[in-house]
Amino acid sequence: MSGDAVAVDGRAPVGGLLRTRNFALLWIGQSTSAVGSAITSVALPLVAISTLQAGPATVALLTAATWLPWLVIGLPVGVWVDRWPRRRTLLIADIVSAAVLVVIPIAAWTNVLTVAMLLVAALLAGTAGVFANVAFNAFLPHLVRADEMMEGNARLQTSASVALVVGPGLGGLLAQVAGAVSGVLIDAGTFLVSAACLLALRSAPEPRPAPGDRPGMLRQIADGIGFIMRGRLLQAMLVVAAVTNFAMLGITALRIVFLVRTEGAAPGTAGLVIGVGSLGAILGAALASLASRRFGSARTYLVANVAAAPFVLLLPLGGHGWRLALFAAGSFVALAGATMSNVMTMTYRGTFVPARLLGRVTAASRIFVFGSIPLGAATAGLLASALGIRSAMWALAVLYVIAPLPLLATEARTLRDLPGRSSP
């Protein structure tokens, strides 16, 4: 199946996957869309702040609305994607995202934009994002050979990390020069680029499961969750990921309003500070494999979580002028650690979980981890309204530091490497 999509004539071109027409198109589309989404992560809160004079609670709710669909429909989407053509699902998700986002600048320019419209747009775009995320991970093995998966994932992860660096800075600069809605409009355009790249793919038809081969949805969900509950280390890693995501996305939901409104930074400066901090994700991705070989995957995982977490405390210490460097430095180290932790977790899950359960365990894990994100964003908004923005940042930062400590009570503390394959 996957071999049919390597090249039109069946031969792998010299120069790696980027010399392969299909993967190059997919990489261009996904990378462009990733930059656009990173721009919107800054532009959308700025639209709420500058156009609608929204407060921190509203800004946090926008982040929550984007991630809420994972909590509500994430598990069923995993089953539906397995039953539908993946490329068609990706195309529909891109078109829906573009249509939803283009409404925001039009509404702003015609003076009809409201907070409710922003929240609905964030919710619809987040729903499309769930389908796109799940479908993409299922579609990639169809497009590349098994021995090319490592290279494919590495290239896509690198471009995603670069987008986290470039996107916020562009979003802040665009907001300062042309208005915040311009960034949202550009993001809508990037989804159309992604859709065009998907339409240009020349790959073999995707196999469709026979109706009689489809296991029940509830049984699939139960099997995935049941395996997680039986593995103490896997369970602990999942809880840590969920709590740290809860805290970090709460901080993320407040960072723009903290930098712009509390500290008086210009939108372009705020985007630059966030972009510099995001460079840590690239460093973490680059060092993860090397550190795992040198020190062991279990030790790398512990250090990435326990030792890097305290640097988050630098974020609420950030302030006007030179103190913005504290915010950037704290973000840099925390994101480097989080990225290394993600690499270790994904590798452990892929090698420890039996192949027949891997899809269901991965889906169940993502719902649990991603489902904590809207809760963290909503909690951040409530804390900011009750205690003030800086105090809310402090509370979430302390939670982030405490969350990985229970890992020291697990078997990971005594291991060099995380365990291998479990029995089926």
Protein backbone atom coordinates (compact mmCIF):
# COMPACT_ATOMS: atom_id res chain seq x y z
CA MET A 1 0.00 0.00 0.00
CA SER A 2 2.53 2.61 1.14
CA GLY A 3 5.05 1.58 -1.47
CA ASP A 4 2.70 2.68 -4.28
CA ALA A 5 2.99 6.28 -3.15
CA VAL A 6 6.76 6.68 -3.07
CA ALA A 7 7.10 7.87 -6.65
CA VAL A 8 5.06 7.72 -9.81
CA ASP A 9 7.35 5.10 -11.36
CA GLY A 10 7.81 3.18 -8.09
CA ARG A 11 11.44 4.17 -7.62
CA ALA A 12 12.59 6.21 -4.62
CA PRO A 13 14.36 9.34 -5.87
CA VAL A 14 17.82 10.30 -4.74
CA GLY A 15 17.87 12.96 -2.03
CA GLY A 16 15.34 11.65 0.45
CA LEU A 17 11.62 12.13 0.85
CA LEU A 18 11.65 15.80 -0.12
CA ARG A 19 12.68 14.68 -3.62
CA THR A 20 9.56 12.51 -3.68
CA ARG A 21 6.66 14.36 -5.28
CA ASN A 22 3.93 13.14 -2.96
CA PHE A 23 5.77 13.70 0.30
CA ALA A 24 7.11 17.06 -0.85
CA LEU A 25 3.55 18.21 -1.57
CA LEU A 26 2.33 16.93 1.78
CA TRP A 27 5.27 18.58 3.61
CA ILE A 28 4.72 21.92 1.86
CA GLY A 29 1.02 21.90 2.66
CA GLN A 30 1.41 20.87 6.29
CA SER A 31 4.34 23.21 6.93
CA THR A 32 2.52 26.18 5.42
CA SER A 33 -0.59 25.41 7.44
CA ALA A 34 1.49 25.03 10.62
CA VAL A 35 2.94 28.52 10.16
CA GLY A 36 -0.55 29.90 9.60
CA SER A 37 -1.89 28.22 12.73
CA ALA A 38 1.02 29.61 14.75
CA ILE A 39 0.21 33.08 13.42
CA THR A 40 -3.41 32.69 14.50
CA SER A 41 -2.35 31.57 17.99
CA VAL A 42 -1.20 35.17 18.47
CA ALA A 43 -3.55 36.97 16.05
CA LEU A 44 -6.84 35.60 17.38
CA PRO A 45 -6.27 36.76 20.99
CA LEU A 46 -5.09 40.11 19.65
CA VAL A 47 -8.32 40.44 17.65
CA ALA A 48 -10.25 39.90 20.88
CA ILE A 49 -8.08 42.38 22.79
CA SER A 50 -7.68 45.16 20.22
CA THR A 51 -10.94 44.96 18.28
CA LEU A 52 -13.39 43.86 20.96
CA GLN A 53 -11.56 45.04 24.12
CA ALA A 54 -11.96 41.56 25.59
CA GLY A 55 -10.64 40.71 29.05
CA PRO A 56 -8.37 37.81 30.09
CA ALA A 57 -11.29 35.45 30.75
CA THR A 58 -12.54 35.85 27.19
CA VAL A 59 -9.06 35.41 25.73
CA ALA A 60 -8.62 32.21 27.75
CA LEU A 61 -12.02 30.94 26.58
CA LEU A 62 -10.85 31.32 22.97
CA THR A 63 -8.01 28.90 23.64
CA ALA A 64 -10.38 26.56 25.49
CA ALA A 65 -12.84 26.59 22.57
CA THR A 66 -10.08 25.61 20.15
CA TRP A 67 -9.17 22.52 22.19
CA LEU A 68 -12.59 21.57 23.59
CA PRO A 69 -13.52 19.34 20.60
CA TRP A 70 -10.76 16.91 21.59
CA LEU A 71 -12.52 16.38 24.90
CA VAL A 72 -15.96 16.03 23.35
CA ILE A 73 -15.50 14.09 20.09
CA GLY A 74 -11.87 12.96 20.03
CA LEU A 75 -12.46 9.24 20.56
CA PRO A 76 -15.32 8.87 18.06
CA VAL A 77 -13.30 10.80 15.47
CA GLY A 78 -10.57 8.16 15.71
CA VAL A 79 -13.09 5.49 14.75
CA TRP A 80 -14.71 7.57 12.00
CA VAL A 81 -11.37 8.39 10.40
CA ASP A 82 -10.61 4.67 10.15
CA ARG A 83 -13.85 4.23 8.21
CA TRP A 84 -13.53 7.20 5.84
CA PRO A 85 -10.97 8.03 3.11
CA ARG A 86 -8.21 9.89 4.97
CA ARG A 87 -7.25 12.30 2.16
CA ARG A 88 -10.87 13.33 1.66
CA THR A 89 -11.18 13.92 5.40
CA LEU A 90 -8.06 16.11 5.35
CA LEU A 91 -9.39 18.09 2.38
CA ILE A 92 -12.75 18.74 4.05
CA ALA A 93 -11.02 19.76 7.29
CA ASP A 94 -8.79 22.25 5.41
CA ILE A 95 -11.69 23.78 3.50
CA VAL A 96 -13.87 24.08 6.60
CA SER A 97 -11.00 25.71 8.53
CA ALA A 98 -10.37 28.23 5.73
CA ALA A 99 -14.08 29.08 5.48
CA VAL A 100 -14.45 29.56 9.23
CA LEU A 101 -11.37 31.75 9.57
CA VAL A 102 -12.09 34.00 6.58
CA VAL A 103 -15.37 35.03 8.23
CA ILE A 104 -13.48 36.76 11.09
CA PRO A 105 -11.75 39.52 9.06
CA ILE A 106 -14.88 40.04 6.95
CA ALA A 107 -16.95 40.48 10.12
CA ALA A 108 -14.35 42.82 11.61
CA TRP A 109 -14.16 44.99 8.47
CA THR A 110 -17.98 45.26 8.37
CA ASN A 111 -18.17 46.05 12.11
CA VAL A 112 -20.34 43.03 12.98
CA LEU A 113 -17.71 40.95 14.77
CA THR A 114 -18.66 39.85 18.30
CA VAL A 115 -17.05 37.77 21.02
CA ALA A 116 -19.65 35.06 20.40
CA MET A 117 -18.60 34.88 16.73
CA LEU A 118 -14.94 34.52 17.74
CA LEU A 119 -15.80 31.70 20.16
CA VAL A 120 -17.91 29.84 17.58
CA ALA A 121 -15.14 30.22 14.99
CA ALA A 122 -12.55 28.88 17.44
CA LEU A 123 -14.82 25.93 18.26
CA LEU A 124 -15.46 25.06 14.60
CA ALA A 125 -11.80 25.44 13.64
CA GLY A 126 -10.84 23.26 16.61
CA THR A 127 -13.32 20.59 15.50
CA ALA A 128 -11.86 20.57 12.00
CA GLY A 129 -8.42 20.36 13.60
CA VAL A 130 -9.34 17.16 15.46
CA PHE A 131 -10.35 15.45 12.21
CA ALA A 132 -7.21 16.77 10.46
CA ASN A 133 -4.85 15.65 13.22
CA VAL A 134 -6.22 12.12 13.46
CA ALA A 135 -6.59 11.69 9.69
CA PHE A 136 -3.07 12.94 8.99
CA ASN A 137 -1.46 10.45 11.36
CA ALA A 138 -3.46 7.66 9.69
CA PHE A 139 -2.74 8.91 6.14
CA LEU A 140 1.05 9.30 6.37
CA PRO A 141 1.78 5.51 6.46
CA HIS A 142 -0.22 5.20 3.24
CA LEU A 143 1.90 7.83 1.52
CA VAL A 144 5.42 6.66 2.49
CA ARG A 145 7.09 3.30 2.95
CA ALA A 146 7.62 1.85 6.41
CA ASP A 147 11.38 2.43 6.22
CA GLU A 148 10.76 6.10 5.40
CA MET A 149 8.47 6.83 8.35
CA MET A 150 11.32 7.97 10.59
CA GLU A 151 12.54 10.51 8.04
CA GLY A 152 9.02 11.66 7.27
CA ASN A 153 8.09 12.24 10.89
CA ALA A 154 11.41 13.96 11.59
CA ARG A 155 10.95 16.42 8.71
CA LEU A 156 7.37 17.17 9.70
CA GLN A 157 8.29 17.64 13.36
CA THR A 158 11.12 19.98 12.44
CA SER A 159 8.89 22.15 10.27
CA ALA A 160 6.25 22.20 13.03
CA SER A 161 8.86 23.40 15.52
CA VAL A 162 10.09 26.06 13.12
CA ALA A 163 6.48 27.22 12.69
CA LEU A 164 6.24 27.73 16.44
CA VAL A 165 9.22 30.07 16.19
CA VAL A 166 8.27 31.97 13.04
CA GLY A 167 4.50 32.09 13.43
CA PRO A 168 4.08 34.08 16.67
CA GLY A 169 6.58 36.70 15.54
CA LEU A 170 4.79 37.09 12.21
CA GLY A 171 1.44 37.23 13.98
CA GLY A 172 2.58 40.02 16.28
CA LEU A 173 4.27 41.94 13.44
CA LEU A 174 1.22 41.66 11.17
CA ALA A 175 -1.03 42.85 14.00
CA GLN A 176 1.19 45.86 14.57
CA VAL A 177 1.50 46.78 10.88
CA ALA A 178 -1.80 45.73 9.28
CA GLY A 179 -4.13 44.84 12.15
CA ALA A 180 -4.70 41.58 14.01
CA VAL A 181 -7.34 40.26 11.57
CA SER A 182 -4.75 40.21 8.78
CA GLY A 183 -3.01 37.29 10.49
CA VAL A 184 -6.26 35.32 10.66
CA LEU A 185 -6.86 35.97 6.96
CA ILE A 186 -3.38 34.67 6.12
CA ASP A 187 -4.05 31.52 8.15
CA ALA A 188 -7.21 30.93 6.10
CA GLY A 189 -5.06 31.15 2.98
CA THR A 190 -2.57 28.59 4.33
CA PHE A 191 -5.37 26.04 4.70
CA LEU A 192 -6.20 26.54 1.02
CA VAL A 193 -2.53 25.92 0.17
CA SER A 194 -2.69 22.68 2.16
CA ALA A 195 -5.89 21.66 0.35
CA ALA A 196 -4.30 22.37 -3.03
CA CYS A 197 -1.30 20.21 -2.13
CA LEU A 198 -3.58 17.35 -1.08
CA LEU A 199 -5.51 17.59 -4.38
CA ALA A 200 -2.22 17.40 -6.30
CA LEU A 201 -1.16 14.12 -4.67
CA ARG A 202 -0.96 11.05 -6.89
CA SER A 203 -1.30 8.04 -4.61
CA ALA A 204 -2.93 4.64 -4.69
CA PRO A 205 -6.56 4.39 -3.54
CA GLU A 206 -6.90 3.90 0.19
CA PRO A 207 -8.18 0.51 1.33
CA ARG A 208 -11.59 0.55 2.97
CA PRO A 209 -12.40 -1.90 5.79
CA ALA A 210 -15.29 -4.23 5.12
CA PRO A 211 -18.37 -3.40 7.21
CA GLY A 212 -18.16 -6.76 8.95
CA ASP A 213 -14.56 -6.09 10.01
CA ARG A 214 -15.39 -2.96 11.99
CA PRO A 215 -15.19 -3.50 15.76
CA GLY A 216 -17.71 -1.67 17.90
CA MET A 217 -16.77 1.86 18.85
CA LEU A 218 -17.31 1.34 22.57
CA ARG A 219 -15.23 -1.85 22.52
CA GLN A 220 -12.35 -0.02 20.80
CA ILE A 221 -12.44 2.75 23.35
CA ALA A 222 -12.58 0.32 26.29
CA ASP A 223 -9.64 -1.74 25.02
CA GLY A 224 -7.40 1.30 24.66
CA ILE A 225 -8.25 2.75 28.06
CA GLY A 226 -8.02 -0.68 29.71
CA PHE A 227 -4.43 -1.21 28.56
CA ILE A 228 -3.40 2.19 29.91
CA MET A 229 -4.98 1.47 33.28
CA ARG A 230 -3.03 -1.79 33.59
CA GLY A 231 0.39 -0.18 33.01
CA ARG A 232 1.60 1.81 36.03
CA LEU A 233 4.41 3.67 34.25
CA LEU A 234 2.33 4.37 31.15
CA GLN A 235 -0.44 5.63 33.39
CA ALA A 236 1.92 7.88 35.35
CA MET A 237 3.40 9.34 32.16
CA LEU A 238 -0.09 10.03 30.86
CA VAL A 239 -1.16 11.81 34.05
CA VAL A 240 1.99 13.93 34.06
CA ALA A 241 1.45 14.88 30.42
CA ALA A 242 -2.18 15.81 31.10
CA VAL A 243 -1.40 17.98 34.16
CA THR A 244 1.57 19.73 32.55
CA ASN A 245 -0.52 20.40 29.44
CA PHE A 246 -3.28 21.77 31.68
CA ALA A 247 -0.83 24.19 33.31
CA MET A 248 1.16 25.15 30.22
CA LEU A 249 -1.87 25.79 28.02
CA GLY A 250 -3.35 27.86 30.81
CA ILE A 251 -0.19 29.97 30.73
CA THR A 252 -0.35 30.03 26.92
CA ALA A 253 -3.92 31.31 27.05
CA LEU A 254 -2.78 34.25 29.20
CA ARG A 255 0.63 35.02 27.68
CA ILE A 256 -0.53 37.56 25.07
CA VAL A 257 -2.71 39.54 27.45
CA PHE A 258 0.06 39.29 30.10
CA LEU A 259 2.74 40.67 27.78
CA VAL A 260 0.63 43.26 25.96
CA ARG A 261 -1.79 44.50 28.60
CA THR A 262 0.01 43.86 31.90
CA GLU A 263 3.57 44.58 30.77
CA GLY A 264 2.81 47.05 27.99
CA ALA A 265 4.78 45.25 25.26
CA ALA A 266 3.95 46.09 21.66
CA PRO A 267 2.27 43.26 19.71
CA GLY A 268 5.39 42.79 17.56
CA THR A 269 7.58 42.58 20.66
CA ALA A 270 5.24 40.09 22.29
CA GLY A 271 5.32 37.90 19.18
CA LEU A 272 9.12 38.09 19.08
CA VAL A 273 9.45 37.08 22.75
CA ILE A 274 7.15 34.11 22.23
CA GLY A 275 8.98 33.13 19.05
CA VAL A 276 12.40 33.22 20.74
CA GLY A 277 11.07 31.04 23.56
CA SER A 278 9.70 28.60 21.00
CA LEU A 279 13.24 27.97 19.69
CA GLY A 280 13.52 25.60 22.63
CA ALA A 281 11.19 23.17 20.84
CA ILE A 282 13.67 22.89 17.95
CA LEU A 283 16.56 22.29 20.36
CA GLY A 284 14.56 19.66 22.26
CA ALA A 285 13.71 17.80 19.06
CA ALA A 286 17.36 17.89 17.95
CA LEU A 287 18.75 16.65 21.29
CA ALA A 288 16.16 13.99 22.15
CA SER A 289 17.64 11.11 20.15
CA LEU A 290 21.25 11.98 21.09
CA ALA A 291 20.44 12.27 24.80
CA SER A 292 18.52 8.99 24.75
CA ARG A 293 21.48 7.12 23.26
CA ARG A 294 24.00 8.77 25.56
CA PHE A 295 22.16 8.71 28.89
CA GLY A 296 19.20 6.37 28.36
CA SER A 297 15.57 7.08 27.48
CA ALA A 298 14.28 6.78 31.07
CA ARG A 299 16.89 9.20 32.43
CA THR A 300 16.34 11.62 29.56
CA TYR A 301 12.60 11.52 30.18
CA LEU A 302 13.02 12.25 33.90
CA VAL A 303 15.46 15.13 33.35
CA ALA A 304 13.28 16.62 30.59
CA ASN A 305 10.33 16.71 32.99
CA VAL A 306 11.68 17.21 36.50
CA ALA A 307 14.76 19.37 35.81
CA ALA A 308 13.32 21.58 33.06
CA ALA A 309 9.99 22.30 34.76
CA PRO A 310 11.24 24.89 37.32
CA PHE A 311 12.27 27.23 34.50
CA VAL A 312 8.54 27.91 33.93
CA LEU A 313 8.73 30.05 37.08
CA LEU A 314 10.65 32.61 35.01
CA LEU A 315 7.51 33.39 32.99
CA PRO A 316 5.53 35.24 35.70
CA LEU A 317 8.81 36.91 36.73
CA GLY A 318 8.94 38.47 33.27
CA GLY A 319 8.20 42.16 32.99
CA HIS A 320 8.89 45.37 31.14
CA GLY A 321 12.19 45.94 29.35
CA TRP A 322 15.02 43.50 30.04
CA ARG A 323 12.73 41.32 32.13
CA LEU A 324 11.06 40.18 28.93
CA ALA A 325 14.23 38.08 28.51
CA LEU A 326 13.19 36.10 31.60
CA PHE A 327 9.91 35.19 29.91
CA ALA A 328 11.73 34.12 26.74
CA ALA A 329 14.37 32.11 28.65
CA GLY A 330 11.80 30.30 30.76
CA SER A 331 9.76 29.43 27.67
CA PHE A 332 12.90 28.25 25.84
CA VAL A 333 13.98 25.73 28.49
CA ALA A 334 10.45 24.56 29.31
CA LEU A 335 9.64 23.91 25.63
CA ALA A 336 12.96 22.12 25.09
CA GLY A 337 12.14 19.81 27.99
CA ALA A 338 8.53 19.33 26.87
CA THR A 339 9.60 18.41 23.33
CA MET A 340 12.18 15.90 24.57
CA SER A 341 9.55 14.44 26.90
CA ASN A 342 7.11 14.10 24.00
CA VAL A 343 9.67 12.26 21.88
CA MET A 344 10.44 9.84 24.71
CA THR A 345 6.75 9.27 25.44
CA MET A 346 5.83 8.60 21.81
CA THR A 347 8.77 6.25 21.37
CA TYR A 348 7.94 4.36 24.57
CA ARG A 349 4.30 4.04 23.60
CA GLY A 350 5.23 2.81 20.12
CA THR A 351 7.64 0.16 21.42
CA PHE A 352 5.79 -0.90 24.59
CA VAL A 353 2.17 -1.13 23.47
CA PRO A 354 1.25 -4.25 21.41
CA ALA A 355 0.75 -3.39 17.74
CA ARG A 356 -2.87 -4.53 17.75
CA LEU A 357 -3.67 -1.98 20.49
CA LEU A 358 -1.41 0.88 19.47
CA GLY A 359 -4.02 2.91 17.58
CA ARG A 360 -6.58 2.67 20.36
CA VAL A 361 -4.07 3.41 23.12
CA THR A 362 -2.76 6.40 21.18
CA ALA A 363 -6.28 7.73 20.63
CA ALA A 364 -7.24 7.27 24.27
CA SER A 365 -4.00 8.95 25.38
CA ARG A 366 -4.55 11.96 23.14
CA ILE A 367 -8.07 12.48 24.38
CA PHE A 368 -6.87 12.43 27.97
CA VAL A 369 -3.90 14.73 27.33
CA PHE A 370 -5.53 17.09 24.82
CA GLY A 371 -8.76 17.09 26.81
CA SER A 372 -6.93 18.77 29.69
CA ILE A 373 -6.03 21.75 27.47
CA PRO A 374 -9.45 23.47 27.31
CA LEU A 375 -9.86 22.87 31.03
CA GLY A 376 -6.50 24.54 31.67
CA ALA A 377 -7.36 27.50 29.44
CA ALA A 378 -10.77 27.97 31.06
CA THR A 379 -9.24 27.68 34.55
CA ALA A 380 -6.62 30.26 33.60
CA GLY A 381 -9.36 32.70 32.65
CA LEU A 382 -11.18 32.18 35.96
CA LEU A 383 -7.95 32.57 37.95
CA ALA A 384 -7.01 35.72 36.05
CA SER A 385 -10.42 37.25 36.71
CA ALA A 386 -10.32 36.37 40.41
CA LEU A 387 -6.63 36.90 41.27
CA GLY A 388 -5.17 38.97 38.47
CA ILE A 389 -3.15 37.88 35.45
CA ARG A 390 0.27 37.65 37.11
CA SER A 391 -1.07 35.71 40.11
CA ALA A 392 -2.82 33.28 37.77
CA MET A 393 0.47 32.79 35.90
CA TRP A 394 2.22 32.05 39.21
CA ALA A 395 -0.39 29.47 40.24
CA LEU A 396 -0.18 27.64 36.92
CA ALA A 397 3.64 27.76 36.90
CA VAL A 398 3.82 26.20 40.37
CA LEU A 399 1.44 23.43 39.26
CA TYR A 400 3.67 22.79 36.24
CA VAL A 401 6.72 22.39 38.50
CA ILE A 402 4.96 20.02 40.92
CA ALA A 403 3.27 17.83 38.29
CA PRO A 404 6.32 15.70 37.24
CA LEU A 405 7.50 14.94 40.79
CA PRO A 406 5.41 11.71 41.17
CA LEU A 407 7.55 10.20 38.38
CA LEU A 408 10.34 9.88 40.95
CA ALA A 409 8.22 7.24 42.70
CA THR A 410 7.89 5.07 39.59
CA GLU A 411 10.21 2.47 38.10
CA ALA A 412 11.59 5.11 35.71
CA ARG A 413 13.72 6.43 38.57
CA THR A 414 15.83 3.24 38.65
CA LEU A 415 15.97 2.50 34.90
CA ARG A 416 18.41 3.61 32.25
CA ASP A 417 15.93 2.98 29.41
CA LEU A 418 12.17 2.77 29.31
CA PRO A 419 10.82 -0.80 29.05
CA GLY A 420 10.34 -2.58 25.73
CA ARG A 421 7.41 -4.43 24.22
CA SER A 422 4.67 -5.63 26.55
CA SER A 423 3.08 -9.01 26.08
CA PRO A 424 0.07 -8.93 23.70
